[in-house]
Protein backbone atom coordinates (compact mmCIF):
# COMPACT_ATOMS: atom_id res chain seq x y z
CA MET A 1 42.81 31.48 10.41
CA THR A 2 41.25 30.15 13.60
CA ARG A 3 39.61 26.78 13.84
CA GLU A 4 36.19 26.54 15.49
CA LYS A 5 36.41 24.78 18.86
CA ARG A 6 34.82 21.34 18.84
CA VAL A 7 32.04 20.82 21.37
CA THR A 8 32.97 18.22 24.00
CA ILE A 9 31.02 16.29 26.61
CA THR A 10 32.61 18.58 29.20
CA ASP A 11 30.88 21.54 27.52
CA ILE A 12 27.59 19.64 27.59
CA ALA A 13 28.07 18.70 31.25
CA GLU A 14 28.71 22.33 32.24
CA ARG A 15 25.69 23.60 30.33
CA SER A 16 23.43 20.82 31.63
CA GLY A 17 24.59 21.03 35.24
CA VAL A 18 25.29 17.30 35.48
CA SER A 19 28.40 15.15 35.69
CA ILE A 20 30.52 14.10 32.73
CA ALA A 21 29.60 10.49 33.49
CA ALA A 22 25.89 11.34 33.29
CA VAL A 23 26.45 13.03 29.93
CA SER A 24 28.29 9.96 28.64
CA PHE A 25 25.49 7.65 29.78
CA ALA A 26 22.85 9.87 28.18
CA LEU A 27 24.62 10.31 24.85
CA ASN A 28 25.32 6.60 24.55
CA ARG A 29 21.75 5.65 25.53
CA ARG A 30 23.01 3.63 28.50
CA LYS A 31 21.27 2.97 31.78
CA GLY A 32 22.34 5.01 34.79
CA VAL A 33 20.50 8.30 34.28
CA SER A 34 16.83 9.24 34.53
CA ALA A 35 14.70 9.89 31.48
CA THR A 36 14.50 13.56 32.47
CA THR A 37 18.30 13.90 32.66
CA ARG A 38 18.75 12.07 29.37
CA GLU A 39 16.29 14.37 27.60
CA LYS A 40 17.99 17.44 29.09
CA VAL A 41 21.45 16.30 28.01
CA LEU A 42 20.31 15.43 24.49
CA ALA A 43 18.61 18.82 24.15
CA VAL A 44 21.79 20.63 25.22
CA ALA A 45 23.90 18.49 22.88
CA GLU A 46 21.57 19.42 20.02
CA GLU A 47 21.70 23.11 20.98
CA LEU A 48 25.51 23.12 21.03
CA GLY A 49 25.83 21.12 17.81
CA TRP A 50 27.71 18.26 19.42
CA ALA A 51 28.88 15.35 17.27
CA PRO A 52 30.83 12.21 18.25
CA THR A 53 34.59 12.35 17.79
CA THR A 54 34.49 9.99 14.82
CA ALA A 55 31.88 12.18 13.16
CA ALA A 56 33.93 15.31 13.63
CA ARG A 57 36.40 14.17 11.00
CA SER A 58 36.26 15.77 7.61
CA LEU A 59 33.77 14.09 5.30
CA ALA A 60 36.59 13.82 2.80
CA GLU A 61 38.49 11.68 5.34
CA ALA A 62 35.63 9.48 6.52
CA ARG A 63 32.70 9.27 4.14
CA THR A 64 29.99 6.69 4.60
CA GLU A 65 29.30 6.47 0.84
CA THR A 66 25.59 6.67 1.67
CA PHE A 67 22.91 9.29 1.08
CA GLY A 68 19.77 9.49 3.21
CA LEU A 69 16.12 9.98 2.31
CA ILE A 70 13.22 10.04 4.77
CA LEU A 71 9.62 9.86 3.56
CA ALA A 72 6.97 11.04 6.01
CA ARG A 73 4.20 9.26 4.17
CA ALA A 74 1.81 6.49 5.10
CA PRO A 75 3.30 3.15 3.95
CA GLU A 76 0.04 2.22 2.22
CA THR A 77 0.28 5.38 0.09
CA LEU A 78 3.84 4.62 -0.97
CA GLY A 79 2.80 1.09 -1.87
CA ILE A 80 0.45 2.22 -4.62
CA GLU A 81 1.81 5.60 -5.73
CA SER A 82 4.33 5.16 -8.54
CA PHE A 83 6.02 8.59 -8.29
CA TYR A 84 8.48 7.71 -5.56
CA MET A 85 9.29 4.31 -7.03
CA ARG A 86 10.40 6.05 -10.25
CA PHE A 87 12.19 8.80 -8.30
CA LEU A 88 14.09 6.19 -6.29
CA ALA A 89 15.00 4.32 -9.48
CA GLY A 90 16.63 7.47 -10.82
CA LEU A 91 18.48 8.09 -7.57
CA GLU A 92 19.80 4.54 -7.39
CA ALA A 93 20.96 4.59 -11.00
CA GLU A 94 23.10 7.66 -10.34
CA LEU A 95 24.35 6.47 -6.95
CA ALA A 96 25.43 3.14 -8.41
CA LYS A 97 27.82 4.92 -10.77
CA ARG A 98 29.83 6.04 -7.73
CA SER A 99 29.31 2.93 -5.60
CA TYR A 100 27.06 4.87 -3.21
CA GLY A 101 24.08 3.47 -1.34
CA LEU A 102 20.76 4.97 -0.27
CA LEU A 103 19.48 4.80 3.30
CA LEU A 104 15.68 5.07 3.00
CA GLN A 105 13.45 5.42 6.03
CA VAL A 106 9.69 5.87 6.22
CA ALA A 107 8.63 8.08 9.14
CA PRO A 108 5.11 8.26 10.61
CA ASN A 109 5.20 12.06 10.92
CA ARG A 110 7.36 15.15 10.52
CA GLN A 111 8.66 15.08 14.11
CA ALA A 112 9.92 11.54 13.66
CA GLU A 113 11.65 12.68 10.49
CA LEU A 114 13.35 15.55 12.36
CA ASP A 115 14.50 13.18 15.10
CA THR A 116 15.99 10.85 12.50
CA LEU A 117 17.82 13.69 10.74
CA ILE A 118 19.37 14.72 14.06
CA LYS A 119 20.50 11.15 14.78
CA TRP A 120 22.00 10.83 11.31
CA ARG A 121 23.85 14.10 11.73
CA ASN A 122 25.20 13.32 15.20
CA ALA A 123 26.42 9.89 14.16
CA ARG A 124 27.37 10.94 10.62
CA ARG A 125 25.31 8.00 9.44
CA VAL A 126 25.06 9.46 5.93
CA ASP A 127 27.12 11.89 3.86
CA GLY A 128 24.13 13.97 2.79
CA VAL A 129 20.36 14.01 2.64
CA LEU A 130 17.59 14.63 0.13
CA VAL A 131 14.61 16.67 1.33
CA VAL A 132 11.24 16.03 -0.34
CA ASP A 133 7.62 17.09 0.27
CA VAL A 134 8.75 20.49 1.50
CA GLY A 135 6.23 22.55 3.43
CA VAL A 136 5.96 26.27 4.04
CA ASP A 137 8.19 27.17 7.04
CA ASP A 138 9.45 23.58 7.04
CA PRO A 139 11.41 22.85 10.26
CA ARG A 140 13.74 20.54 8.35
CA ILE A 141 15.07 23.50 6.37
CA GLU A 142 15.92 25.38 9.57
CA LEU A 143 17.67 22.27 10.92
CA LEU A 144 19.70 21.73 7.75
CA THR A 145 20.88 25.34 7.55
CA ARG A 146 22.46 25.32 11.01
CA PRO A 147 26.26 25.19 11.36
CA GLY A 148 27.50 21.61 11.14
CA ALA A 149 24.37 20.35 9.40
CA LEU A 150 24.48 17.52 6.90
CA PRO A 151 24.88 18.51 3.24
CA ALA A 152 21.44 18.60 1.65
CA VAL A 153 19.54 19.12 -1.58
CA VAL A 154 15.92 20.24 -1.48
CA VAL A 155 13.50 18.84 -4.04
CA GLY A 156 11.24 21.86 -4.22
CA HIS A 157 10.87 25.49 -5.19
CA PRO A 158 13.80 27.79 -4.28
CA SER A 159 11.44 30.03 -2.30
CA VAL A 160 11.15 27.37 0.41
CA ALA A 161 14.68 25.93 0.21
CA GLY A 162 16.17 28.37 2.73
CA GLY A 163 19.21 29.01 0.56
CA LEU A 164 20.07 25.31 0.23
CA THR A 165 20.69 23.81 -3.18
CA SER A 166 17.35 22.94 -4.78
CA VAL A 167 16.01 21.07 -7.79
CA TRP A 168 12.57 22.25 -8.83
CA THR A 169 9.92 22.00 -11.52
CA ASP A 170 7.67 24.81 -12.74
CA ASP A 171 4.36 23.50 -11.42
CA ALA A 172 2.62 26.82 -12.09
CA MET A 173 3.39 26.59 -15.81
CA SER A 174 2.11 23.01 -15.97
CA MET A 175 -1.09 24.00 -14.19
CA ARG A 176 -1.71 26.82 -16.64
CA GLU A 177 -1.17 24.49 -19.60
CA MET A 178 -3.69 22.01 -18.20
CA LEU A 179 -6.37 24.65 -17.65
CA ARG A 180 -5.87 26.11 -21.11
CA HIS A 181 -6.37 22.64 -22.59
CA LEU A 182 -9.66 22.18 -20.74
CA ALA A 183 -10.89 25.72 -21.37
CA ALA A 184 -10.22 25.30 -25.10
CA LEU A 185 -12.51 22.26 -25.00
CA GLY A 186 -15.32 24.44 -23.58
CA HIS A 187 -15.15 23.48 -19.89
CA ARG A 188 -16.32 26.29 -17.63
CA ARG A 189 -16.46 24.65 -14.18
CA ILE A 190 -13.31 22.71 -13.41
CA ALA A 191 -12.57 20.92 -10.13
CA ARG A 192 -9.08 20.41 -8.75
CA ILE A 193 -8.65 17.48 -6.34
CA ALA A 194 -5.41 18.68 -4.78
CA GLY A 195 -2.88 17.08 -2.45
CA LEU A 196 -2.00 18.04 1.10
CA GLU A 197 -2.45 21.77 1.60
CA HIS A 198 0.67 22.33 3.73
CA PHE A 199 3.03 21.17 0.97
CA ALA A 200 4.67 24.08 -0.84
CA HIS A 201 4.10 22.55 -4.29
CA THR A 202 0.38 22.18 -3.52
CA ARG A 203 0.12 25.87 -2.67
CA ILE A 204 1.99 26.83 -5.84
CA ARG A 205 -0.40 24.74 -7.92
CA ASP A 206 -3.43 26.10 -6.04
CA ALA A 207 -2.39 29.70 -6.70
CA ALA A 208 -1.76 29.05 -10.40
CA PHE A 209 -5.11 27.21 -10.65
CA ARG A 210 -7.04 30.17 -9.23
CA GLU A 211 -5.15 32.79 -11.24
CA GLU A 212 -5.39 31.00 -14.58
CA ALA A 213 -9.05 30.11 -14.03
CA ARG A 214 -9.80 33.78 -13.40
CA ARG A 215 -7.90 34.80 -16.54
CA LEU A 216 -9.75 32.24 -18.66
CA GLY A 217 -13.18 33.01 -17.19
CA VAL A 218 -13.44 29.51 -15.70
CA GLU A 219 -15.09 28.71 -12.35
CA PRO A 220 -12.53 26.89 -10.17
CA VAL A 221 -13.53 24.29 -7.57
CA LEU A 222 -10.74 23.37 -5.13
CA VAL A 223 -10.77 20.35 -2.78
CA HIS A 224 -7.76 19.12 -0.77
CA SER A 225 -7.06 15.44 -0.12
CA ASP A 226 -4.21 13.15 0.92
CA TYR A 227 -3.31 11.40 -2.38
CA THR A 228 -4.99 8.10 -1.47
CA LEU A 229 -7.59 6.06 -3.35
CA ALA A 230 -10.09 6.67 -0.57
CA SER A 231 -9.67 10.44 -0.60
CA GLY A 232 -9.83 10.58 -4.39
CA THR A 233 -13.04 8.57 -4.33
CA GLN A 234 -14.69 10.70 -1.65
CA ALA A 235 -13.64 14.02 -3.16
CA THR A 236 -15.01 13.00 -6.56
CA ARG A 237 -18.36 11.97 -5.05
CA ASP A 238 -18.59 15.24 -3.12
CA VAL A 239 -17.88 17.39 -6.16
CA LEU A 240 -20.20 15.60 -8.55
CA SER A 241 -23.05 15.38 -6.04
CA THR A 242 -22.98 19.05 -5.03
CA MET A 243 -21.85 20.74 -8.23
CA GLU A 244 -23.63 19.10 -11.13
CA GLN A 245 -22.30 21.62 -13.65
CA THR A 246 -18.72 20.44 -13.12
CA THR A 247 -17.55 18.99 -16.43
CA ALA A 248 -13.82 18.48 -15.74
CA LEU A 249 -11.90 16.93 -12.86
CA THR A 250 -8.15 17.26 -12.29
CA TYR A 251 -6.15 15.30 -9.72
CA ASP A 252 -2.75 15.80 -8.07
CA ASN A 253 -1.65 12.22 -8.67
CA ASP A 254 -2.44 9.20 -10.81
CA VAL A 255 -3.93 7.14 -7.97
CA MET A 256 -6.70 9.64 -7.20
CA ALA A 257 -7.41 10.11 -10.90
CA VAL A 258 -7.97 6.38 -11.35
CA ALA A 259 -10.25 6.39 -8.30
CA GLY A 260 -12.15 9.35 -9.74
CA LEU A 261 -12.59 7.57 -13.06
CA GLY A 262 -14.23 4.67 -11.25
CA VAL A 263 -16.64 6.96 -9.38
CA VAL A 264 -17.66 8.80 -12.55
CA MET A 265 -18.54 5.55 -14.29
CA GLU A 266 -20.26 4.20 -11.19
CA LEU A 267 -22.54 7.25 -11.26
CA GLY A 268 -23.57 6.39 -14.82
CA LEU A 269 -21.57 9.20 -16.42
CA ARG A 270 -19.32 8.88 -19.43
CA VAL A 271 -15.67 9.91 -19.82
CA PRO A 272 -15.06 12.18 -21.63
CA GLN A 273 -18.56 12.85 -22.99
CA ASP A 274 -19.95 13.95 -19.60
CA VAL A 275 -16.80 14.50 -17.51
CA SER A 276 -13.19 15.00 -18.57
CA ILE A 277 -10.35 13.83 -16.30
CA VAL A 278 -6.70 14.90 -16.06
CA ALA A 279 -4.04 13.37 -13.78
CA TRP A 280 -0.79 14.86 -12.51
CA ASP A 281 2.29 12.57 -12.64
CA ASP A 282 1.74 10.41 -15.68
CA SER A 283 2.36 6.71 -15.06
CA VAL A 284 1.62 3.28 -16.45
CA LEU A 285 -1.74 3.47 -14.64
CA CYS A 286 -2.79 6.43 -16.77
CA SER A 287 -2.10 4.73 -20.09
CA HIS A 288 -3.80 1.45 -19.12
CA THR A 289 -7.20 2.65 -17.91
CA TYR A 290 -10.23 2.87 -20.17
CA PRO A 291 -10.28 5.44 -21.51
CA PRO A 292 -6.59 6.19 -21.01
CA LEU A 293 -6.05 9.26 -18.86
CA THR A 294 -4.82 12.61 -20.08
CA ALA A 295 -1.91 13.50 -17.80
CA LEU A 296 0.84 15.95 -16.96
CA SER A 297 4.02 14.03 -17.62
CA HIS A 298 7.72 14.47 -16.96
CA ASP A 299 10.64 12.10 -16.61
CA VAL A 300 10.65 11.36 -12.86
CA ILE A 301 13.51 8.87 -13.20
CA ALA A 302 15.64 11.60 -14.77
CA THR A 303 14.66 13.95 -11.94
CA GLY A 304 15.86 11.45 -9.35
CA ALA A 305 19.21 11.16 -11.13
CA HIS A 306 19.45 14.96 -11.39
CA VAL A 307 18.89 15.36 -7.64
CA ALA A 308 21.60 12.79 -6.87
CA ARG A 309 24.11 14.62 -9.07
CA ARG A 310 23.41 17.90 -7.30
CA LEU A 311 23.98 16.32 -3.90
CA PHE A 312 27.33 14.99 -5.06
CA ASP A 313 28.17 18.55 -6.16
CA VAL A 314 27.23 19.90 -2.72
CA LEU A 315 29.35 17.24 -1.06
CA ASP A 316 32.29 18.31 -3.23
CA GLY A 317 31.95 21.94 -2.10
CA ALA A 318 29.72 23.52 -4.76
CA ALA A 319 28.01 26.77 -3.76
CA PRO A 320 24.23 26.54 -3.12
CA ALA A 321 22.11 27.18 -6.22
CA ALA A 322 18.65 26.53 -7.66
CA PHE A 323 18.40 24.16 -10.62
CA PRO A 324 15.22 23.92 -12.72
CA ASP A 325 14.24 20.42 -13.81
CA SER A 326 11.99 19.47 -16.72
CA THR A 327 8.49 20.97 -16.63
CA ALA A 328 5.59 18.53 -16.76
CA ALA A 329 3.92 18.65 -20.18
CA LEU A 330 0.34 17.67 -21.01
CA ILE A 331 -0.15 14.33 -22.76
CA ALA A 332 -3.68 14.33 -24.20
CA ARG A 333 -5.41 10.95 -24.22
CA GLY A 334 -8.96 9.67 -24.29
CA SER A 335 -10.18 11.05 -20.94
CA THR A 336 -10.54 14.66 -22.12
CA GLY A 337 -12.94 15.96 -24.73
CA PRO A 338 -15.39 18.78 -25.46
CA ALA A 339 -17.58 19.88 -22.56
CA ARG A 340 -21.11 18.51 -22.60
CA LYS A 341 -23.94 20.82 -23.57
CA ASP A 342 -26.65 20.83 -20.86
């Protein structure tokens, strides 16, 4: 068997057309080279898959005992949305069993997240990473499937995991269950206040929403938002002001559902007598509103622990595979009832 030749700074210098000293300055972020030269050297190092000598050791010989997670979300959204707090609780519970830590970073955008993943890989800052909020043709997947990439687990559907190990929930089944519940109550125009359109799970839910609505003879109304209170408020106003026959509203998270409940009542309508409301991702918010919100619920803490276990398996050499997690089930509460008769 032949061992793959490790990339050295000499290789980078030859490819970049600069001196070895210039490469050393650039890679170590030291003064002595221009910004243009530094960018060129870093790009070549990335292309060749260079890693520092200490990082080239086997992970079994030099593990950091840390996993990494980057969230490209607005900090204000994370501060009020309970999903990731529960997900992180599950992760931490499992990591603690093996004396592992979690390196969490909030990034302002996807490019910043990519840059951070590259830095972590080059410095071997973490032993593996968790990938969430996966988009269609997500550049992170391409990065993490290159030779020498960090071990990774994708929290998302196998169709967008690029062959990496994935943990996923059947969002299409949950969507169909929710629509059947509302259709059985007589609702015939149902609005979906969805999340960000470029997320793969949003598209899966959108497709199931349209297909099941068509099968049930229900008129679907689809509006995309960004999960925030403000967007949930505005989307609810827009739907109820332009489509008066809408008798049911569904939301892609608990925060927007609570905002929608406030708008409905502000407009002088009753829940559920005039408008029914369903939230995705059941939380303490849903059970403490008035009326309490019907919601799609699954054990997010258990999901976080499941994801952590799969990343440990990957780190130990397990072959990539797709693992279904629990499917969100409908918990009927006081916010859904028979459709009003106009």
